[in-house]
Amino acid sequence: MKIQIIVPLANSQFNEDVKKEVQKVAAPDTQIHVVNLDVGPQSIQSRYEEFLSTGDIISKAQKAEAEGYDGIFVDCFGEPGVSVVRELVDIPVVGGFDPAVLTATLICQKFSIITVVSSVKSIIEDLARGLGITSNLASVRDVDIPVLELEDKEKLKQALIHESEKAIDRDGAQAIVLGCTGMLDVAKEVERILAELGKPAPVIDPTTAAITSLQSLIRCGLSQSRLTYYKPPQK
């Protein structure tokens, strides 16, 4: 099984952490390759930056299929270009949002998403409406840390714990979804500390949820429906 991870940024800042994170759930027979964009934003925190990334995401995805990859993970919680790429390739394609929140619906009734900055909250709320899971969504909160500053793990963990406590106590969340695929290697530690505080909420990492879901689709021989994602005609 060969999986292509497209990090939709024109920098490799997160690549090594992404590789470490996915190895936690990659099957022994799974080969994973990580690529960045040649043309695109340095981070994604707006619809405009999502738009800027889409062109090269399409190119990288089509190249991956041509090179024999079995599935694609567009490594962003906002899922830029995912629906477009699904029309263009026959191998399964996932982003960061759907696998994470659908996993949450399997283990709780209400969950909160904790993202990076307030400017992306409305994007996440749009995704929730589109997927039809707004009744499961207790709240969308943020840690007020830009994507490019997420490498300060201690600061990130403390902010996530603080917002998770509020999500549980004030919003009724029963699980926490990390709302950025750049929040790497912190989920289990945040979950452990929450349990110690008497708030035993599962914490879902979107990267591991995406890779797990993508491997399942590949093993089941499933890909996007052509009755949903019609292939555009050649012109």
C-alpha atoms as a PDB file:
ATOM      1  CA  MET A   1       0.000   0.000   0.000  1.00  0.00           C
ATOM      2  CA  LYS A   2       1.415   3.383  -1.041  1.00  0.00           C
ATOM      3  CA  ILE A   3       0.038   6.627   0.383  1.00  0.00           C
ATOM      4  CA  GLN A   4       0.949  10.114  -0.771  1.00  0.00           C
ATOM      5  CA  ILE A   5       0.677  12.867   1.838  1.00  0.00           C
ATOM      6  CA  ILE A   6       0.405  16.298   0.257  1.00  0.00           C
ATOM      7  CA  VAL A   7       1.305  18.984   2.788  1.00  0.00           C
ATOM      8  CA  PRO A   8      -0.380  21.958   1.080  1.00  0.00           C
ATOM      9  CA  LEU A   9       2.333  24.449   2.013  1.00  0.00           C
ATOM     10  CA  ALA A  10       5.315  25.769   0.101  1.00  0.00           C
ATOM     11  CA  ASN A  11       7.629  24.815   2.962  1.00  0.00           C
ATOM     12  CA  SER A  12       8.747  21.612   4.679  1.00  0.00           C
ATOM     13  CA  GLN A  13       8.590  22.897   8.278  1.00  0.00           C
ATOM     14  CA  PHE A  14       6.205  20.155   9.432  1.00  0.00           C
ATOM     15  CA  ASN A  15       7.407  17.227   7.308  1.00  0.00           C
ATOM     16  CA  GLU A  16       9.475  15.336   9.874  1.00  0.00           C
ATOM     17  CA  ASP A  17       6.789  15.648  12.543  1.00  0.00           C
ATOM     18  CA  VAL A  18       4.173  14.470  10.037  1.00  0.00           C
ATOM     19  CA  LYS A  19       6.255  11.386   9.230  1.00  0.00           C
ATOM     20  CA  LYS A  20       6.653  10.566  12.934  1.00  0.00           C
ATOM     21  CA  GLU A  21       2.928  11.014  13.585  1.00  0.00           C
ATOM     22  CA  VAL A  22       1.741   8.787  10.756  1.00  0.00           C
ATOM     23  CA  GLN A  23       4.128   5.983  11.704  1.00  0.00           C
ATOM     24  CA  LYS A  24       2.083   5.535  14.883  1.00  0.00           C
ATOM     25  CA  VAL A  25      -0.806   4.142  12.825  1.00  0.00           C
ATOM     26  CA  ALA A  26       0.778   3.071   9.528  1.00  0.00           C
ATOM     27  CA  ALA A  27       0.462  -0.662   8.882  1.00  0.00           C
ATOM     28  CA  PRO A  28       3.674  -2.669   8.328  1.00  0.00           C
ATOM     29  CA  ASP A  29       2.916  -2.960   4.611  1.00  0.00           C
ATOM     30  CA  THR A  30       2.162   0.751   4.160  1.00  0.00           C
ATOM     31  CA  GLN A  31       4.662   3.038   2.426  1.00  0.00           C
ATOM     32  CA  ILE A  32       4.130   6.742   3.031  1.00  0.00           C
ATOM     33  CA  HIS A  33       5.680   9.603   1.080  1.00  0.00           C
ATOM     34  CA  VAL A  34       5.386  13.294   2.003  1.00  0.00           C
ATOM     35  CA  VAL A  35       5.521  16.131  -0.530  1.00  0.00           C
ATOM     36  CA  ASN A  36       5.103  19.893  -0.319  1.00  0.00           C
ATOM     37  CA  LEU A  37       3.821  22.397  -2.830  1.00  0.00           C
ATOM     38  CA  ASP A  38       6.108  24.098  -5.322  1.00  0.00           C
ATOM     39  CA  VAL A  39       3.706  27.032  -5.466  1.00  0.00           C
ATOM     40  CA  GLY A  40       1.436  27.955  -2.573  1.00  0.00           C
ATOM     41  CA  PRO A  41       1.129  29.633   0.826  1.00  0.00           C
ATOM     42  CA  GLN A  42       3.473  29.253   3.802  1.00  0.00           C
ATOM     43  CA  SER A  43       0.495  28.429   6.017  1.00  0.00           C
ATOM     44  CA  ILE A  44      -3.278  28.164   5.634  1.00  0.00           C
ATOM     45  CA  GLN A  45      -5.478  30.304   7.867  1.00  0.00           C
ATOM     46  CA  SER A  46      -7.973  31.714   5.358  1.00  0.00           C
ATOM     47  CA  ARG A  47     -10.087  30.791   2.355  1.00  0.00           C
ATOM     48  CA  TYR A  48      -7.732  32.834   0.179  1.00  0.00           C
ATOM     49  CA  GLU A  49      -4.751  30.709   1.253  1.00  0.00           C
ATOM     50  CA  GLU A  50      -6.798  27.578   0.637  1.00  0.00           C
ATOM     51  CA  PHE A  51      -7.482  28.843  -2.891  1.00  0.00           C
ATOM     52  CA  LEU A  52      -3.790  29.584  -3.482  1.00  0.00           C
ATOM     53  CA  SER A  53      -2.862  26.022  -2.566  1.00  0.00           C
ATOM     54  CA  THR A  54      -5.425  24.258  -4.744  1.00  0.00           C
ATOM     55  CA  GLY A  55      -3.685  24.423  -8.130  1.00  0.00           C
ATOM     56  CA  ASP A  56      -0.533  22.638  -7.037  1.00  0.00           C
ATOM     57  CA  ILE A  57      -2.506  20.195  -4.859  1.00  0.00           C
ATOM     58  CA  ILE A  58      -4.268  19.097  -8.066  1.00  0.00           C
ATOM     59  CA  SER A  59      -0.944  18.680  -9.886  1.00  0.00           C
ATOM     60  CA  LYS A  60       0.628  16.701  -7.031  1.00  0.00           C
ATOM     61  CA  ALA A  61      -2.452  14.465  -6.725  1.00  0.00           C
ATOM     62  CA  GLN A  62      -2.585  13.627 -10.421  1.00  0.00           C
ATOM     63  CA  LYS A  63       1.134  12.863 -10.372  1.00  0.00           C
ATOM     64  CA  ALA A  64       0.668  10.583  -7.358  1.00  0.00           C
ATOM     65  CA  GLU A  65      -2.003   8.553  -9.150  1.00  0.00           C
ATOM     66  CA  ALA A  66       0.166   8.294 -12.253  1.00  0.00           C
ATOM     67  CA  GLU A  67       3.060   7.023 -10.106  1.00  0.00           C
ATOM     68  CA  GLY A  68       0.958   4.204  -8.675  1.00  0.00           C
ATOM     69  CA  TYR A  69      -0.031   5.523  -5.262  1.00  0.00           C
ATOM     70  CA  ASP A  70      -3.089   3.878  -3.723  1.00  0.00           C
ATOM     71  CA  GLY A  71      -4.448   6.884  -1.794  1.00  0.00           C
ATOM     72  CA  ILE A  72      -3.889  10.558  -1.033  1.00  0.00           C
ATOM     73  CA  PHE A  73      -4.072  12.536   2.203  1.00  0.00           C
ATOM     74  CA  VAL A  74      -4.275  16.316   1.738  1.00  0.00           C
ATOM     75  CA  ASP A  75      -2.699  17.242   5.048  1.00  0.00           C
ATOM     76  CA  CYS A  76      -4.870  20.165   6.180  1.00  0.00           C
ATOM     77  CA  PHE A  77      -7.879  20.257   8.497  1.00  0.00           C
ATOM     78  CA  GLY A  78      -9.665  22.665   6.139  1.00  0.00           C
ATOM     79  CA  GLU A  79      -9.430  20.091   3.318  1.00  0.00           C
ATOM     80  CA  PRO A  80      -8.365  22.511   0.525  1.00  0.00           C
ATOM     81  CA  GLY A  81      -8.851  21.052  -2.927  1.00  0.00           C
ATOM     82  CA  VAL A  82     -10.080  17.684  -1.651  1.00  0.00           C
ATOM     83  CA  SER A  83     -13.468  17.726  -3.395  1.00  0.00           C
ATOM     84  CA  VAL A  84     -11.842  18.889  -6.649  1.00  0.00           C
ATOM     85  CA  VAL A  85      -9.144  16.216  -6.561  1.00  0.00           C
ATOM     86  CA  ARG A  86     -11.792  13.550  -5.937  1.00  0.00           C
ATOM     87  CA  GLU A  87     -13.284  14.415  -9.335  1.00  0.00           C
ATOM     88  CA  LEU A  88      -9.934  14.051 -11.088  1.00  0.00           C
ATOM     89  CA  VAL A  89      -8.388  10.863  -9.669  1.00  0.00           C
ATOM     90  CA  ASP A  90      -9.728   7.372  -9.085  1.00  0.00           C
ATOM     91  CA  ILE A  91      -7.784   6.597  -5.902  1.00  0.00           C
ATOM     92  CA  PRO A  92      -9.329   7.580  -2.539  1.00  0.00           C
ATOM     93  CA  VAL A  93      -8.614  11.089  -1.243  1.00  0.00           C
ATOM     94  CA  VAL A  94      -9.118  12.369   2.305  1.00  0.00           C
ATOM     95  CA  GLY A  95      -8.417  15.605   4.113  1.00  0.00           C
ATOM     96  CA  GLY A  96      -8.076  16.304   7.816  1.00  0.00           C
ATOM     97  CA  PHE A  97     -11.634  17.289   8.777  1.00  0.00           C
ATOM     98  CA  ASP A  98     -13.939  14.435   7.771  1.00  0.00           C
ATOM     99  CA  PRO A  99     -11.934  11.518   9.231  1.00  0.00           C
ATOM    100  CA  ALA A 100     -11.391  13.309  12.548  1.00  0.00           C
ATOM    101  CA  VAL A 101     -14.965  14.416  13.188  1.00  0.00           C
ATOM    102  CA  LEU A 102     -16.512  11.185  11.920  1.00  0.00           C
ATOM    103  CA  THR A 103     -14.221   9.315  14.299  1.00  0.00           C
ATOM    104  CA  ALA A 104     -15.510  11.568  17.081  1.00  0.00           C
ATOM    105  CA  THR A 105     -19.112  10.652  16.246  1.00  0.00           C
ATOM    106  CA  LEU A 106     -18.233   6.980  16.796  1.00  0.00           C
ATOM    107  CA  ILE A 107     -17.166   7.528  20.400  1.00  0.00           C
ATOM    108  CA  CYS A 108     -19.274  10.375  21.759  1.00  0.00           C
ATOM    109  CA  GLN A 109     -22.450  12.391  21.234  1.00  0.00           C
ATOM    110  CA  LYS A 110     -20.945  15.888  21.495  1.00  0.00           C
ATOM    111  CA  PHE A 111     -17.419  17.048  20.726  1.00  0.00           C
ATOM    112  CA  SER A 112     -15.544  20.321  20.426  1.00  0.00           C
ATOM    113  CA  ILE A 113     -12.981  21.294  17.813  1.00  0.00           C
ATOM    114  CA  ILE A 114     -10.029  23.340  19.027  1.00  0.00           C
ATOM    115  CA  THR A 115      -8.233  25.092  16.195  1.00  0.00           C
ATOM    116  CA  VAL A 116      -5.382  27.567  15.768  1.00  0.00           C
ATOM    117  CA  VAL A 117      -6.790  31.097  15.421  1.00  0.00           C
ATOM    118  CA  SER A 118     -10.249  32.644  15.366  1.00  0.00           C
ATOM    119  CA  SER A 119     -10.108  33.441  11.635  1.00  0.00           C
ATOM    120  CA  VAL A 120     -10.552  29.760  10.728  1.00  0.00           C
ATOM    121  CA  LYS A 121     -13.582  29.120  12.946  1.00  0.00           C
ATOM    122  CA  SER A 122     -16.087  30.054  10.256  1.00  0.00           C
ATOM    123  CA  ILE A 123     -14.308  27.777   7.755  1.00  0.00           C
ATOM    124  CA  ILE A 124     -14.634  24.869  10.186  1.00  0.00           C
ATOM    125  CA  GLU A 125     -18.289  25.699  10.865  1.00  0.00           C
ATOM    126  CA  ASP A 126     -18.932  25.623   7.090  1.00  0.00           C
ATOM    127  CA  LEU A 127     -17.331  22.184   6.895  1.00  0.00           C
ATOM    128  CA  ALA A 128     -19.493  20.961   9.783  1.00  0.00           C
ATOM    129  CA  ARG A 129     -22.668  22.171   8.058  1.00  0.00           C
ATOM    130  CA  GLY A 130     -21.610  20.546   4.808  1.00  0.00           C
ATOM    131  CA  LEU A 131     -21.004  17.193   6.510  1.00  0.00           C
ATOM    132  CA  GLY A 132     -24.237  17.423   8.506  1.00  0.00           C
ATOM    133  CA  ILE A 133     -22.692  17.047  11.965  1.00  0.00           C
ATOM    134  CA  THR A 134     -23.601  20.413  13.509  1.00  0.00           C
ATOM    135  CA  SER A 135     -25.848  18.693  16.073  1.00  0.00           C
ATOM    136  CA  ASN A 136     -22.774  16.804  17.315  1.00  0.00           C
ATOM    137  CA  LEU A 137     -20.609  19.908  17.518  1.00  0.00           C
ATOM    138  CA  ALA A 138     -20.533  21.401  21.004  1.00  0.00           C
ATOM    139  CA  SER A 139     -18.253  24.300  20.034  1.00  0.00           C
ATOM    140  CA  VAL A 140     -15.334  25.506  17.954  1.00  0.00           C
ATOM    141  CA  ARG A 141     -12.586  27.093  20.039  1.00  0.00           C
ATOM    142  CA  ASP A 142      -9.074  28.292  19.284  1.00  0.00           C
ATOM    143  CA  VAL A 143      -5.716  28.479  21.065  1.00  0.00           C
ATOM    144  CA  ASP A 144      -4.721  31.805  19.430  1.00  0.00           C
ATOM    145  CA  ILE A 145      -1.479  30.332  18.062  1.00  0.00           C
ATOM    146  CA  PRO A 146      -0.722  30.783  14.339  1.00  0.00           C
ATOM    147  CA  VAL A 147       0.145  27.682  12.329  1.00  0.00           C
ATOM    148  CA  LEU A 148       3.800  28.645  11.910  1.00  0.00           C
ATOM    149  CA  GLU A 149       4.223  28.862  15.702  1.00  0.00           C
ATOM    150  CA  LEU A 150       2.858  25.408  16.525  1.00  0.00           C
ATOM    151  CA  GLU A 151       6.332  23.938  16.984  1.00  0.00           C
ATOM    152  CA  ASP A 152       6.361  25.280  20.556  1.00  0.00           C
ATOM    153  CA  LYS A 153       4.811  22.069  21.887  1.00  0.00           C
ATOM    154  CA  GLU A 154       4.691  23.104  25.540  1.00  0.00           C
ATOM    155  CA  LYS A 155       2.845  26.334  24.767  1.00  0.00           C
ATOM    156  CA  LEU A 156       0.479  24.428  22.472  1.00  0.00           C
ATOM    157  CA  LYS A 157      -0.267  21.720  25.055  1.00  0.00           C
ATOM    158  CA  GLN A 158      -1.033  24.222  27.790  1.00  0.00           C
ATOM    159  CA  ALA A 159      -3.342  26.190  25.483  1.00  0.00           C
ATOM    160  CA  LEU A 160      -5.109  23.026  24.354  1.00  0.00           C
ATOM    161  CA  ILE A 161      -5.644  21.874  27.927  1.00  0.00           C
ATOM    162  CA  HIS A 162      -7.032  25.282  28.895  1.00  0.00           C
ATOM    163  CA  GLU A 163      -9.482  25.403  25.973  1.00  0.00           C
ATOM    164  CA  SER A 164     -10.407  21.726  26.368  1.00  0.00           C
ATOM    165  CA  GLU A 165     -11.389  22.295  29.983  1.00  0.00           C
ATOM    166  CA  LYS A 166     -13.672  25.141  28.917  1.00  0.00           C
ATOM    167  CA  ALA A 167     -15.115  23.039  26.080  1.00  0.00           C
ATOM    168  CA  ILE A 168     -15.948  20.241  28.517  1.00  0.00           C
ATOM    169  CA  ASP A 169     -17.184  22.377  31.425  1.00  0.00           C
ATOM    170  CA  ARG A 170     -19.002  25.142  29.538  1.00  0.00           C
ATOM    171  CA  ASP A 171     -19.945  23.627  26.175  1.00  0.00           C
ATOM    172  CA  GLY A 172     -20.703  20.032  27.125  1.00  0.00           C
ATOM    173  CA  ALA A 173     -17.994  18.450  24.973  1.00  0.00           C
ATOM    174  CA  GLN A 174     -17.390  14.735  25.554  1.00  0.00           C
ATOM    175  CA  ALA A 175     -14.391  14.503  23.224  1.00  0.00           C
ATOM    176  CA  ILE A 176     -11.904  16.937  21.700  1.00  0.00           C
ATOM    177  CA  VAL A 177     -10.867  17.126  18.048  1.00  0.00           C
ATOM    178  CA  LEU A 178      -7.630  18.963  17.295  1.00  0.00           C
ATOM    179  CA  GLY A 179      -8.597  21.422  14.580  1.00  0.00           C
ATOM    180  CA  CYS A 180      -5.276  21.652  12.743  1.00  0.00           C
ATOM    181  CA  THR A 181      -3.081  18.938  11.275  1.00  0.00           C
ATOM    182  CA  GLY A 182      -0.085  20.972  12.444  1.00  0.00           C
ATOM    183  CA  MET A 183      -0.961  20.135  16.074  1.00  0.00           C
ATOM    184  CA  LEU A 184       1.341  17.126  15.977  1.00  0.00           C
ATOM    185  CA  ASP A 185       2.470  14.795  18.766  1.00  0.00           C
ATOM    186  CA  VAL A 186       0.362  16.391  21.516  1.00  0.00           C
ATOM    187  CA  ALA A 187      -3.011  14.584  21.489  1.00  0.00           C
ATOM    188  CA  LYS A 188      -2.175  11.747  23.885  1.00  0.00           C
ATOM    189  CA  GLU A 189      -0.456  14.015  26.383  1.00  0.00           C
ATOM    190  CA  VAL A 190      -3.402  16.425  26.407  1.00  0.00           C
ATOM    191  CA  GLU A 191      -5.756  13.456  26.837  1.00  0.00           C
ATOM    192  CA  ARG A 192      -3.682  12.125  29.744  1.00  0.00           C
ATOM    193  CA  ILE A 193      -3.655  15.461  31.571  1.00  0.00           C
ATOM    194  CA  LEU A 194      -7.385  15.964  31.059  1.00  0.00           C
ATOM    195  CA  ALA A 195      -7.995  12.538  32.614  1.00  0.00           C
ATOM    196  CA  GLU A 196      -5.832  13.491  35.590  1.00  0.00           C
ATOM    197  CA  LEU A 197      -7.966  16.623  35.982  1.00  0.00           C
ATOM    198  CA  GLY A 198     -11.086  14.464  36.163  1.00  0.00           C
ATOM    199  CA  LYS A 199     -12.174  15.236  32.587  1.00  0.00           C
ATOM    200  CA  PRO A 200     -11.540  11.949  30.710  1.00  0.00           C
ATOM    201  CA  ALA A 201     -12.332  13.142  27.196  1.00  0.00           C
ATOM    202  CA  PRO A 202     -10.727  11.365  24.218  1.00  0.00           C
ATOM    203  CA  VAL A 203      -8.535  13.680  22.116  1.00  0.00           C
ATOM    204  CA  ILE A 204      -8.505  12.959  18.376  1.00  0.00           C
ATOM    205  CA  ASP A 205      -5.505  13.823  16.244  1.00  0.00           C
ATOM    206  CA  PRO A 206      -6.648  14.583  12.664  1.00  0.00           C
ATOM    207  CA  THR A 207      -3.486  13.258  11.037  1.00  0.00           C
ATOM    208  CA  THR A 208      -3.676   9.794  12.584  1.00  0.00           C
ATOM    209  CA  ALA A 209      -7.442   9.684  12.013  1.00  0.00           C
ATOM    210  CA  ALA A 210      -6.930  10.514   8.324  1.00  0.00           C
ATOM    211  CA  ILE A 211      -4.213   7.925   7.735  1.00  0.00           C
ATOM    212  CA  THR A 212      -6.205   5.256   9.574  1.00  0.00           C
ATOM    213  CA  SER A 213      -9.338   6.022   7.541  1.00  0.00           C
ATOM    214  CA  LEU A 214      -7.430   6.131   4.255  1.00  0.00           C
ATOM    215  CA  GLN A 215      -5.799   2.756   4.885  1.00  0.00           C
ATOM    216  CA  SER A 216      -9.246   1.318   5.621  1.00  0.00           C
ATOM    217  CA  LEU A 217     -10.673   2.660   2.362  1.00  0.00           C
ATOM    218  CA  ILE A 218      -7.768   1.214   0.391  1.00  0.00           C
ATOM    219  CA  ARG A 219      -8.053  -2.208   2.054  1.00  0.00           C
ATOM    220  CA  CYS A 220     -11.795  -2.254   1.398  1.00  0.00           C
ATOM    221  CA  GLY A 221     -11.227  -1.368  -2.259  1.00  0.00           C
ATOM    222  CA  LEU A 222     -13.304   1.798  -1.912  1.00  0.00           C
ATOM    223  CA  SER A 223     -12.937   5.234  -3.444  1.00  0.00           C
ATOM    224  CA  GLN A 224     -15.109   8.284  -4.027  1.00  0.00           C
ATOM    225  CA  SER A 225     -18.433   7.644  -5.747  1.00  0.00           C
ATOM    226  CA  ARG A 226     -18.716   8.776  -9.336  1.00  0.00           C
ATOM    227  CA  LEU A 227     -22.372   9.545  -8.568  1.00  0.00           C
ATOM    228  CA  THR A 228     -21.102  12.247  -6.220  1.00  0.00           C
ATOM    229  CA  TYR A 229     -17.768  13.255  -7.739  1.00  0.00           C
ATOM    230  CA  TYR A 230     -18.382  13.167 -11.477  1.00  0.00           C
ATOM    231  CA  LYS A 231     -15.281  13.093 -13.619  1.00  0.00           C
ATOM    232  CA  PRO A 232     -15.183  16.228 -15.787  1.00  0.00           C
ATOM    233  CA  PRO A 233     -15.318  15.536 -19.532  1.00  0.00           C
ATOM    234  CA  GLN A 234     -12.225  16.034 -21.664  1.00  0.00           C
ATOM    235  CA  LYS A 235     -12.395  19.335 -23.570  1.00  0.00           C
END
